[in-house]
PDB file of N, CA and C in Angstrom:
ATOM      1  N   MET A   1     130.115 -57.175 -61.994  1.00  0.00           N
ATOM      2  CA  MET A   1     129.107 -56.849 -61.310  1.00  0.00           C
ATOM      3  C   MET A   1     130.008 -56.825 -59.605  1.00  0.00           C
ATOM      4  N   TYR A   2     129.023 -55.952 -59.308  1.00  0.00           N
ATOM      5  CA  TYR A   2     129.129 -56.048 -57.920  1.00  0.00           C
ATOM      6  C   TYR A   2     127.967 -55.246 -57.039  1.00  0.00           C
ATOM      7  N   ALA A   3     128.318 -55.438 -55.817  1.00  0.00           N
ATOM      8  CA  ALA A   3     127.054 -54.584 -54.922  1.00  0.00           C
ATOM      9  C   ALA A   3     127.483 -54.395 -53.372  1.00  0.00           C
ATOM     10  N   ILE A   4     126.917 -53.492 -52.877  1.00  0.00           N
ATOM     11  CA  ILE A   4     127.167 -52.752 -51.893  1.00  0.00           C
ATOM     12  C   ILE A   4     125.482 -53.258 -51.011  1.00  0.00           C
ATOM     13  N   ILE A   5     125.970 -54.118 -49.364  1.00  0.00           N
ATOM     14  CA  ILE A   5     125.223 -54.763 -49.027  1.00  0.00           C
ATOM     15  C   ILE A   5     125.262 -54.124 -47.548  1.00  0.00           C
ATOM     16  N   LYS A   6     123.827 -53.995 -46.616  1.00  0.00           N
ATOM     17  CA  LYS A   6     124.018 -53.644 -45.087  1.00  0.00           C
ATOM     18  C   LYS A   6     123.588 -55.142 -44.628  1.00  0.00           C
ATOM     19  N   THR A   7     124.727 -55.334 -43.381  1.00  0.00           N
ATOM     20  CA  THR A   7     124.757 -56.517 -43.040  1.00  0.00           C
ATOM     21  C   THR A   7     125.154 -55.606 -41.457  1.00  0.00           C
ATOM     22  N   GLY A   8     124.430 -56.301 -40.121  1.00  0.00           N
ATOM     23  CA  GLY A   8     125.308 -56.386 -39.121  1.00  0.00           C
ATOM     24  C   GLY A   8     125.604 -54.610 -38.915  1.00  0.00           C
ATOM     25  N   ALA A   9     124.852 -53.626 -39.002  1.00  0.00           N
ATOM     26  CA  ALA A   9     125.070 -51.815 -38.774  1.00  0.00           C
ATOM     27  C   ALA A   9     126.062 -51.645 -39.656  1.00  0.00           C
ATOM     28  N   LYS A  10     126.629 -52.764 -40.642  1.00  0.00           N
ATOM     29  CA  LYS A  10     127.674 -52.387 -41.858  1.00  0.00           C
ATOM     30  C   LYS A  10     127.628 -52.395 -42.820  1.00  0.00           C
ATOM     31  N   GLN A  11     128.545 -51.648 -43.439  1.00  0.00           N
ATOM     32  CA  GLN A  11     128.263 -51.768 -45.230  1.00  0.00           C
ATOM     33  C   GLN A  11     129.370 -52.512 -45.552  1.00  0.00           C
ATOM     34  N   HIS A  12     129.359 -53.892 -46.835  1.00  0.00           N
ATOM     35  CA  HIS A  12     129.937 -54.161 -47.795  1.00  0.00           C
ATOM     36  C   HIS A  12     130.074 -53.985 -49.120  1.00  0.00           C
ATOM     37  N   LYS A  13     131.283 -53.953 -49.594  1.00  0.00           N
ATOM     38  CA  LYS A  13     131.400 -53.980 -51.197  1.00  0.00           C
ATOM     39  C   LYS A  13     131.858 -55.272 -51.713  1.00  0.00           C
ATOM     40  N   VAL A  14     130.602 -56.149 -52.261  1.00  0.00           N
ATOM     41  CA  VAL A  14     130.723 -57.415 -52.335  1.00  0.00           C
ATOM     42  C   VAL A  14     130.730 -57.771 -54.129  1.00  0.00           C
ATOM     43  N   SER A  15     131.035 -58.805 -54.671  1.00  0.00           N
ATOM     44  CA  SER A  15     130.927 -58.822 -56.021  1.00  0.00           C
ATOM     45  C   SER A  15     130.995 -61.005 -55.289  1.00  0.00           C
ATOM     46  N   GLU A  16     130.569 -61.619 -56.652  1.00  0.00           N
ATOM     47  CA  GLU A  16     130.270 -62.580 -56.761  1.00  0.00           C
ATOM     48  C   GLU A  16     132.080 -63.521 -56.658  1.00  0.00           C
ATOM     49  N   GLY A  17     131.633 -64.398 -55.557  1.00  0.00           N
ATOM     50  CA  GLY A  17     133.272 -65.338 -55.518  1.00  0.00           C
ATOM     51  C   GLY A  17     133.782 -64.679 -53.786  1.00  0.00           C
ATOM     52  N   ASP A  18     133.613 -64.004 -53.846  1.00  0.00           N
ATOM     53  CA  ASP A  18     134.629 -62.761 -52.850  1.00  0.00           C
ATOM     54  C   ASP A  18     134.341 -63.846 -51.523  1.00  0.00           C
ATOM     55  N   VAL A  19     134.723 -63.813 -50.413  1.00  0.00           N
ATOM     56  CA  VAL A  19     134.420 -64.005 -48.982  1.00  0.00           C
ATOM     57  C   VAL A  19     134.780 -62.958 -48.510  1.00  0.00           C
ATOM     58  N   LEU A  20     133.870 -62.890 -47.182  1.00  0.00           N
ATOM     59  CA  LEU A  20     133.861 -61.864 -46.442  1.00  0.00           C
ATOM     60  C   LEU A  20     133.470 -62.030 -44.701  1.00  0.00           C
ATOM     61  N   LEU A  21     133.669 -61.301 -43.731  1.00  0.00           N
ATOM     62  CA  LEU A  21     133.831 -61.868 -42.895  1.00  0.00           C
ATOM     63  C   LEU A  21     132.490 -60.464 -42.003  1.00  0.00           C
ATOM     64  N   VAL A  22     131.091 -61.024 -41.726  1.00  0.00           N
ATOM     65  CA  VAL A  22     130.382 -60.229 -41.359  1.00  0.00           C
ATOM     66  C   VAL A  22     130.262 -60.891 -39.980  1.00  0.00           C
ATOM     67  N   GLU A  23     129.240 -59.915 -38.996  1.00  0.00           N
ATOM     68  CA  GLU A  23     129.155 -60.052 -37.888  1.00  0.00           C
ATOM     69  C   GLU A  23     127.816 -61.155 -37.692  1.00  0.00           C
ATOM     70  N   LYS A  24     127.941 -62.004 -36.785  1.00  0.00           N
ATOM     71  CA  LYS A  24     127.489 -63.489 -36.440  1.00  0.00           C
ATOM     72  C   LYS A  24     126.421 -63.310 -37.353  1.00  0.00           C
ATOM     73  N   ILE A  25     126.120 -64.344 -38.182  1.00  0.00           N
ATOM     74  CA  ILE A  25     124.448 -64.959 -38.494  1.00  0.00           C
ATOM     75  C   ILE A  25     124.009 -65.613 -37.703  1.00  0.00           C
ATOM     76  N   ALA A  26     123.067 -65.827 -36.815  1.00  0.00           N
ATOM     77  CA  ALA A  26     122.902 -67.631 -36.781  1.00  0.00           C
ATOM     78  C   ALA A  26     122.346 -68.180 -37.294  1.00  0.00           C
ATOM     79  N   ASP A  27     123.514 -69.422 -37.872  1.00  0.00           N
ATOM     80  CA  ASP A  27     122.499 -70.369 -38.831  1.00  0.00           C
ATOM     81  C   ASP A  27     123.944 -71.238 -39.245  1.00  0.00           C
ATOM     82  N   GLU A  28     124.018 -72.670 -39.713  1.00  0.00           N
ATOM     83  CA  GLU A  28     124.990 -73.375 -39.699  1.00  0.00           C
ATOM     84  C   GLU A  28     125.486 -72.989 -40.221  1.00  0.00           C
ATOM     85  N   LYS A  29     126.857 -73.820 -40.374  1.00  0.00           N
ATOM     86  CA  LYS A  29     127.383 -74.530 -41.630  1.00  0.00           C
ATOM     87  C   LYS A  29     127.252 -74.304 -43.015  1.00  0.00           C
ATOM     88  N   GLY A  30     127.199 -74.009 -43.910  1.00  0.00           N
ATOM     89  CA  GLY A  30     126.647 -74.713 -45.619  1.00  0.00           C
ATOM     90  C   GLY A  30     125.377 -73.830 -45.621  1.00  0.00           C
ATOM     91  N   SER A  31     124.862 -72.943 -45.060  1.00  0.00           N
ATOM     92  CA  SER A  31     122.973 -73.182 -45.165  1.00  0.00           C
ATOM     93  C   SER A  31     123.189 -71.660 -45.900  1.00  0.00           C
ATOM     94  N   GLU A  32     122.758 -71.277 -46.787  1.00  0.00           N
ATOM     95  CA  GLU A  32     122.724 -70.338 -47.425  1.00  0.00           C
ATOM     96  C   GLU A  32     121.847 -69.227 -47.120  1.00  0.00           C
ATOM     97  N   VAL A  33     122.456 -67.556 -47.284  1.00  0.00           N
ATOM     98  CA  VAL A  33     121.558 -66.701 -47.024  1.00  0.00           C
ATOM     99  C   VAL A  33     121.460 -65.952 -47.879  1.00  0.00           C
ATOM    100  N   VAL A  34     120.466 -64.840 -47.967  1.00  0.00           N
ATOM    101  CA  VAL A  34     119.369 -63.763 -49.004  1.00  0.00           C
ATOM    102  C   VAL A  34     119.851 -62.487 -47.980  1.00  0.00           C
ATOM    103  N   PHE A  35     120.680 -61.621 -48.650  1.00  0.00           N
ATOM    104  CA  PHE A  35     120.307 -60.089 -48.471  1.00  0.00           C
ATOM    105  C   PHE A  35     119.803 -59.319 -49.230  1.00  0.00           C
ATOM    106  N   GLU A  36     119.106 -59.006 -48.890  1.00  0.00           N
ATOM    107  CA  GLU A  36     117.982 -57.791 -49.566  1.00  0.00           C
ATOM    108  C   GLU A  36     117.777 -56.776 -49.112  1.00  0.00           C
ATOM    109  N   GLU A  37     119.170 -56.326 -48.776  1.00  0.00           N
ATOM    110  CA  GLU A  37     119.418 -54.920 -47.983  1.00  0.00           C
ATOM    111  C   GLU A  37     120.221 -54.078 -49.192  1.00  0.00           C
ATOM    112  N   VAL A  38     119.696 -54.120 -50.778  1.00  0.00           N
ATOM    113  CA  VAL A  38     121.231 -54.008 -51.141  1.00  0.00           C
ATOM    114  C   VAL A  38     120.989 -52.149 -51.540  1.00  0.00           C
ATOM    115  N   LEU A  39     122.102 -51.473 -50.957  1.00  0.00           N
ATOM    116  CA  LEU A  39     122.239 -50.496 -51.074  1.00  0.00           C
ATOM    117  C   LEU A  39     122.112 -49.822 -53.128  1.00  0.00           C
ATOM    118  N   MET A  40     123.418 -50.739 -53.382  1.00  0.00           N
ATOM    119  CA  MET A  40     123.842 -50.239 -54.967  1.00  0.00           C
ATOM    120  C   MET A  40     123.915 -51.318 -55.611  1.00  0.00           C
ATOM    121  N   VAL A  41     123.582 -51.676 -57.242  1.00  0.00           N
ATOM    122  CA  VAL A  41     124.317 -52.743 -57.540  1.00  0.00           C
ATOM    123  C   VAL A  41     125.035 -51.690 -58.899  1.00  0.00           C
ATOM    124  N   ALA A  42     126.300 -52.675 -59.271  1.00  0.00           N
ATOM    125  CA  ALA A  42     126.664 -51.905 -60.418  1.00  0.00           C
ATOM    126  C   ALA A  42     126.437 -52.866 -61.525  1.00  0.00           C
ATOM    127  N   GLY A  43     126.958 -53.049 -63.073  1.00  0.00           N
ATOM    128  CA  GLY A  43     126.911 -53.636 -63.560  1.00  0.00           C
ATOM    129  C   GLY A  43     128.269 -53.419 -64.257  1.00  0.00           C
ATOM    130  N   ALA A  44     128.124 -53.923 -65.841  1.00  0.00           N
ATOM    131  CA  ALA A  44     129.503 -54.076 -66.646  1.00  0.00           C
ATOM    132  C   ALA A  44     129.241 -52.101 -66.771  1.00  0.00           C
ATOM    133  N   ASP A  45     127.632 -51.332 -67.194  1.00  0.00           N
ATOM    134  CA  ASP A  45     127.629 -50.049 -68.190  1.00  0.00           C
ATOM    135  C   ASP A  45     126.999 -49.520 -66.700  1.00  0.00           C
ATOM    136  N   THR A  46     125.932 -50.274 -66.399  1.00  0.00           N
ATOM    137  CA  THR A  46     124.698 -49.722 -65.445  1.00  0.00           C
ATOM    138  C   THR A  46     125.260 -49.680 -63.762  1.00  0.00           C
ATOM    139  N   VAL A  47     124.492 -48.545 -63.564  1.00  0.00           N
ATOM    140  CA  VAL A  47     124.730 -48.362 -61.891  1.00  0.00           C
ATOM    141  C   VAL A  47     123.021 -48.033 -61.422  1.00  0.00           C
ATOM    142  N   LYS A  48     122.519 -49.140 -60.254  1.00  0.00           N
ATOM    143  CA  LYS A  48     121.404 -48.792 -59.519  1.00  0.00           C
ATOM    144  C   LYS A  48     121.704 -48.116 -58.292  1.00  0.00           C
ATOM    145  N   ILE A  49     120.967 -47.453 -57.852  1.00  0.00           N
ATOM    146  CA  ILE A  49     121.633 -46.827 -56.908  1.00  0.00           C
ATOM    147  C   ILE A  49     119.749 -46.688 -55.546  1.00  0.00           C
ATOM    148  N   GLY A  50     120.131 -47.324 -54.726  1.00  0.00           N
ATOM    149  CA  GLY A  50     118.390 -47.987 -54.240  1.00  0.00           C
ATOM    150  C   GLY A  50     118.222 -46.566 -53.063  1.00  0.00           C
ATOM    151  N   LYS A  51     117.266 -46.143 -52.598  1.00  0.00           N
ATOM    152  CA  LYS A  51     116.818 -45.323 -52.138  1.00  0.00           C
ATOM    153  C   LYS A  51     115.584 -45.977 -50.963  1.00  0.00           C
ATOM    154  N   PRO A  52     116.048 -46.261 -50.013  1.00  0.00           N
ATOM    155  CA  PRO A  52     117.156 -46.076 -49.064  1.00  0.00           C
ATOM    156  C   PRO A  52     118.090 -47.587 -50.080  1.00  0.00           C
ATOM    157  N   PHE A  53     116.612 -48.813 -50.625  1.00  0.00           N
ATOM    158  CA  PHE A  53     117.588 -50.144 -51.456  1.00  0.00           C
ATOM    159  C   PHE A  53     117.383 -50.057 -52.365  1.00  0.00           C
ATOM    160  N   VAL A  54     118.250 -50.733 -53.062  1.00  0.00           N
ATOM    161  CA  VAL A  54     117.191 -51.492 -54.619  1.00  0.00           C
ATOM    162  C   VAL A  54     116.183 -51.954 -54.711  1.00  0.00           C
ATOM    163  N   GLU A  55     115.211 -52.202 -55.257  1.00  0.00           N
ATOM    164  CA  GLU A  55     113.841 -52.598 -55.223  1.00  0.00           C
ATOM    165  C   GLU A  55     114.443 -54.069 -56.173  1.00  0.00           C
ATOM    166  N   GLY A  56     113.677 -55.391 -56.061  1.00  0.00           N
ATOM    167  CA  GLY A  56     114.092 -56.637 -56.369  1.00  0.00           C
ATOM    168  C   GLY A  56     115.590 -56.766 -56.105  1.00  0.00           C
ATOM    169  N   ALA A  57     116.140 -56.275 -55.338  1.00  0.00           N
ATOM    170  CA  ALA A  57     117.640 -56.446 -55.798  1.00  0.00           C
ATOM    171  C   ALA A  57     117.752 -58.076 -54.763  1.00  0.00           C
ATOM    172  N   LYS A  58     118.766 -58.907 -54.991  1.00  0.00           N
ATOM    173  CA  LYS A  58     119.039 -60.075 -53.755  1.00  0.00           C
ATOM    174  C   LYS A  58     120.920 -60.038 -54.025  1.00  0.00           C
ATOM    175  N   VAL A  59     121.455 -60.506 -53.240  1.00  0.00           N
ATOM    176  CA  VAL A  59     122.589 -61.158 -52.685  1.00  0.00           C
ATOM    177  C   VAL A  59     122.765 -62.085 -51.973  1.00  0.00           C
ATOM    178  N   VAL A  60     123.390 -63.531 -52.663  1.00  0.00           N
ATOM    179  CA  VAL A  60     123.173 -64.652 -51.599  1.00  0.00           C
ATOM    180  C   VAL A  60     124.308 -65.370 -51.641  1.00  0.00           C
ATOM    181  N   GLY A  61     124.619 -65.706 -50.261  1.00  0.00           N
ATOM    182  CA  GLY A  61     125.388 -65.980 -49.895  1.00  0.00           C
ATOM    183  C   GLY A  61     125.474 -67.393 -49.089  1.00  0.00           C
ATOM    184  N   GLU A  62     126.679 -68.040 -48.884  1.00  0.00           N
ATOM    185  CA  GLU A  62     126.839 -69.450 -48.516  1.00  0.00           C
ATOM    186  C   GLU A  62     127.746 -68.943 -47.339  1.00  0.00           C
ATOM    187  N   ILE A  63     127.105 -69.710 -46.242  1.00  0.00           N
ATOM    188  CA  ILE A  63     128.029 -69.504 -44.386  1.00  0.00           C
ATOM    189  C   ILE A  63     129.062 -70.888 -45.013  1.00  0.00           C
ATOM    190  N   VAL A  64     130.294 -70.524 -44.683  1.00  0.00           N
ATOM    191  CA  VAL A  64     131.616 -70.920 -44.930  1.00  0.00           C
ATOM    192  C   VAL A  64     132.456 -71.567 -43.228  1.00  0.00           C
ATOM    193  N   ASP A  65     132.111 -70.339 -42.805  1.00  0.00           N
ATOM    194  CA  ASP A  65     133.040 -70.787 -41.169  1.00  0.00           C
ATOM    195  C   ASP A  65     132.291 -70.135 -40.480  1.00  0.00           C
ATOM    196  N   GLN A  66     131.912 -70.145 -39.079  1.00  0.00           N
ATOM    197  CA  GLN A  66     131.601 -69.439 -37.759  1.00  0.00           C
ATOM    198  C   GLN A  66     133.431 -69.371 -37.108  1.00  0.00           C
ATOM    199  N   THR A  67     133.786 -68.290 -36.871  1.00  0.00           N
ATOM    200  CA  THR A  67     135.012 -67.524 -36.419  1.00  0.00           C
ATOM    201  C   THR A  67     134.757 -66.674 -34.973  1.00  0.00           C
ATOM    202  N   LEU A  68     135.948 -66.294 -34.279  1.00  0.00           N
ATOM    203  CA  LEU A  68     135.895 -65.284 -33.626  1.00  0.00           C
ATOM    204  C   LEU A  68     137.054 -64.523 -34.312  1.00  0.00           C
ATOM    205  N   GLY A  69     137.264 -63.351 -33.819  1.00  0.00           N
ATOM    206  CA  GLY A  69     137.568 -61.863 -34.480  1.00  0.00           C
ATOM    207  C   GLY A  69     139.049 -61.756 -33.495  1.00  0.00           C
ATOM    208  N   PRO A  70     140.029 -60.646 -33.517  1.00  0.00           N
ATOM    209  CA  PRO A  70     140.729 -60.719 -33.007  1.00  0.00           C
ATOM    210  C   PRO A  70     140.839 -60.455 -31.297  1.00  0.00           C
ATOM    211  N   LYS A  71     141.068 -60.226 -30.692  1.00  0.00           N
ATOM    212  CA  LYS A  71     140.987 -60.582 -28.892  1.00  0.00           C
ATOM    213  C   LYS A  71     141.393 -58.446 -28.762  1.00  0.00           C
ATOM    214  N   ILE A  72     140.456 -57.639 -28.002  1.00  0.00           N
ATOM    215  CA  ILE A  72     140.868 -55.851 -27.935  1.00  0.00           C
ATOM    216  C   ILE A  72     140.653 -56.199 -26.537  1.00  0.00           C
ATOM    217  N   VAL A  73     141.693 -55.283 -26.174  1.00  0.00           N
ATOM    218  CA  VAL A  73     141.514 -55.457 -24.490  1.00  0.00           C
ATOM    219  C   VAL A  73     141.082 -53.913 -23.907  1.00  0.00           C
ATOM    220  N   VAL A  74     140.653 -53.726 -23.335  1.00  0.00           N
ATOM    221  CA  VAL A  74     139.969 -52.893 -22.831  1.00  0.00           C
ATOM    222  C   VAL A  74     140.446 -52.679 -20.804  1.00  0.00           C
ATOM    223  N   GLY A  75     141.237 -50.994 -21.101  1.00  0.00           N
ATOM    224  CA  GLY A  75     141.761 -50.546 -19.564  1.00  0.00           C
ATOM    225  C   GLY A  75     140.933 -50.064 -19.097  1.00  0.00           C
ATOM    226  N   LYS A  76     140.702 -49.954 -17.944  1.00  0.00           N
ATOM    227  CA  LYS A  76     140.353 -48.743 -17.257  1.00  0.00           C
ATOM    228  C   LYS A  76     141.238 -48.054 -16.189  1.00  0.00           C
ATOM    229  N   MET A  77     141.001 -47.130 -16.095  1.00  0.00           N
ATOM    230  CA  MET A  77     142.073 -46.888 -14.464  1.00  0.00           C
ATOM    231  C   MET A  77     141.802 -45.270 -14.236  1.00  0.00           C
ATOM    232  N   LYS A  78     141.882 -45.222 -12.944  1.00  0.00           N
ATOM    233  CA  LYS A  78     141.371 -43.701 -12.121  1.00  0.00           C
ATOM    234  C   LYS A  78     142.987 -43.817 -11.379  1.00  0.00           C
ATOM    235  N   ARG A  79     143.501 -42.424 -11.875  1.00  0.00           N
ATOM    236  CA  ARG A  79     144.895 -41.802 -11.106  1.00  0.00           C
ATOM    237  C   ARG A  79     144.254 -41.401  -9.656  1.00  0.00           C
ATOM    238  N   ARG A  80     145.397 -41.709  -8.755  1.00  0.00           N
ATOM    239  CA  ARG A  80     145.785 -41.669  -7.666  1.00  0.00           C
ATOM    240  C   ARG A  80     144.419 -42.082  -6.532  1.00  0.00           C
ATOM    241  N   LYS A  81     143.602 -43.402  -7.613  1.00  0.00           N
ATOM    242  CA  LYS A  81     142.506 -44.547  -6.217  1.00  0.00           C
ATOM    243  C   LYS A  81     143.022 -45.590  -6.055  1.00  0.00           C
ATOM    244  N   GLY A  82     143.787 -45.762  -6.897  1.00  0.00           N
ATOM    245  CA  GLY A  82     143.495 -47.680  -7.074  1.00  0.00           C
ATOM    246  C   GLY A  82     142.838 -48.184  -7.528  1.00  0.00           C
ATOM    247  N   TYR A  83     142.371 -47.280  -8.705  1.00  0.00           N
ATOM    248  CA  TYR A  83     141.824 -48.656  -8.956  1.00  0.00           C
ATOM    249  C   TYR A  83     141.808 -48.575 -10.734  1.00  0.00           C
ATOM    250  N   ARG A  84     141.584 -50.084 -10.704  1.00  0.00           N
ATOM    251  CA  ARG A  84     142.316 -50.615 -11.778  1.00  0.00           C
ATOM    252  C   ARG A  84     141.600 -51.642 -12.686  1.00  0.00           C
ATOM    253  N   LYS A  85     141.370 -51.897 -14.069  1.00  0.00           N
ATOM    254  CA  LYS A  85     140.518 -52.753 -14.770  1.00  0.00           C
ATOM    255  C   LYS A  85     140.693 -53.138 -16.228  1.00  0.00           C
ATOM    256  N   LYS A  86     140.900 -54.486 -16.188  1.00  0.00           N
ATOM    257  CA  LYS A  86     141.199 -54.932 -17.577  1.00  0.00           C
ATOM    258  C   LYS A  86     140.149 -56.377 -18.294  1.00  0.00           C
ATOM    259  N   THR A  87     139.728 -55.734 -19.137  1.00  0.00           N
ATOM    260  CA  THR A  87     138.586 -56.580 -19.449  1.00  0.00           C
ATOM    261  C   THR A  87     139.210 -56.622 -21.255  1.00  0.00           C
ATOM    262  N   GLY A  88     138.554 -57.705 -21.823  1.00  0.00           N
ATOM    263  CA  GLY A  88     138.732 -57.982 -22.956  1.00  0.00           C
ATOM    264  C   GLY A  88     137.768 -58.444 -23.491  1.00  0.00           C
ATOM    265  N   HIS A  89     137.456 -58.793 -25.171  1.00  0.00           N
ATOM    266  CA  HIS A  89     136.397 -58.704 -26.017  1.00  0.00           C
ATOM    267  C   HIS A  89     136.840 -59.632 -27.554  1.00  0.00           C
ATOM    268  N   ARG A  90     136.255 -59.996 -27.934  1.00  0.00           N
ATOM    269  CA  ARG A  90     136.006 -60.932 -29.533  1.00  0.00           C
ATOM    270  C   ARG A  90     135.059 -61.386 -29.998  1.00  0.00           C
ATOM    271  N   GLN A  91     134.612 -60.764 -30.732  1.00  0.00           N
ATOM    272  CA  GLN A  91     133.251 -60.605 -31.737  1.00  0.00           C
ATOM    273  C   GLN A  91     133.335 -61.760 -32.086  1.00  0.00           C
ATOM    274  N   GLN A  92     132.022 -62.209 -32.159  1.00  0.00           N
ATOM    275  CA  GLN A  92     131.614 -63.082 -33.079  1.00  0.00           C
ATOM    276  C   GLN A  92     131.551 -63.113 -35.028  1.00  0.00           C
ATOM    277  N   LEU A  93     132.556 -63.602 -35.379  1.00  0.00           N
ATOM    278  CA  LEU A  93     132.246 -63.493 -37.335  1.00  0.00           C
ATOM    279  C   LEU A  93     132.095 -64.478 -37.424  1.00  0.00           C
ATOM    280  N   THR A  94     131.020 -64.350 -38.444  1.00  0.00           N
ATOM    281  CA  THR A  94     130.966 -65.412 -39.739  1.00  0.00           C
ATOM    282  C   THR A  94     131.286 -65.077 -40.812  1.00  0.00           C
ATOM    283  N   SER A  95     132.015 -66.197 -41.872  1.00  0.00           N
ATOM    284  CA  SER A  95     132.570 -66.139 -43.224  1.00  0.00           C
ATOM    285  C   SER A  95     131.508 -66.669 -43.754  1.00  0.00           C
ATOM    286  N   MET A  96     131.380 -65.591 -45.115  1.00  0.00           N
ATOM    287  CA  MET A  96     130.321 -65.959 -45.946  1.00  0.00           C
ATOM    288  C   MET A  96     131.321 -65.787 -47.532  1.00  0.00           C
ATOM    289  N   LYS A  97     130.719 -66.837 -48.043  1.00  0.00           N
ATOM    290  CA  LYS A  97     130.878 -66.660 -49.455  1.00  0.00           C
ATOM    291  C   LYS A  97     129.640 -66.336 -50.540  1.00  0.00           C
ATOM    292  N   ILE A  98     129.938 -65.453 -51.414  1.00  0.00           N
ATOM    293  CA  ILE A  98     129.217 -64.815 -51.961  1.00  0.00           C
ATOM    294  C   ILE A  98     128.475 -65.776 -53.387  1.00  0.00           C
ATOM    295  N   THR A  99     127.841 -66.241 -53.602  1.00  0.00           N
ATOM    296  CA  THR A  99     127.459 -66.469 -54.966  1.00  0.00           C
ATOM    297  C   THR A  99     126.744 -66.493 -56.155  1.00  0.00           C
ATOM    298  N   LYS A 100     125.995 -65.137 -55.492  1.00  0.00           N
ATOM    299  CA  LYS A 100     124.750 -64.881 -56.528  1.00  0.00           C
ATOM    300  C   LYS A 100     124.643 -63.409 -56.171  1.00  0.00           C
ATOM    301  N   ILE A 101     124.052 -62.508 -57.216  1.00  0.00           N
ATOM    302  CA  ILE A 101     124.106 -61.214 -57.318  1.00  0.00           C
ATOM    303  C   ILE A 101     123.229 -61.327 -58.332  1.00  0.00           C
ATOM    304  N   SER A 102     121.878 -61.017 -58.146  1.00  0.00           N
ATOM    305  CA  SER A 102     120.462 -60.610 -58.847  1.00  0.00           C
ATOM    306  C   SER A 102     119.972 -59.223 -58.925  1.00  0.00           C
ATOM    307  N   VAL A 103     119.675 -58.639 -59.759  1.00  0.00           N
ATOM    308  CA  VAL A 103     118.999 -57.653 -60.020  1.00  0.00           C
ATOM    309  C   VAL A 103     117.247 -57.915 -60.122  1.00  0.00           C
TER     310      VAL A 103
END
């Protein structure tokens, strides 16, 4: 059984036992998070597609860790003007373990 959930303006395909990285969820390590924005649930022989979400479907996950993503370097330059600027960014991420998918 797997589901497609929406979190942090992204969609993720998850099944029970998966560990995935999502945008930061402001909660502590070990706490439980319930995703109610489930777009699709597929079982052994049935598929439920939501319009836009599947009614009554929930995905429960546990926060494993709060981490940072890879460093992204952004450079700006204007030719012949002597303007150069270098900045960076590291996205805050939450590592989640999916514990239960219910329909």
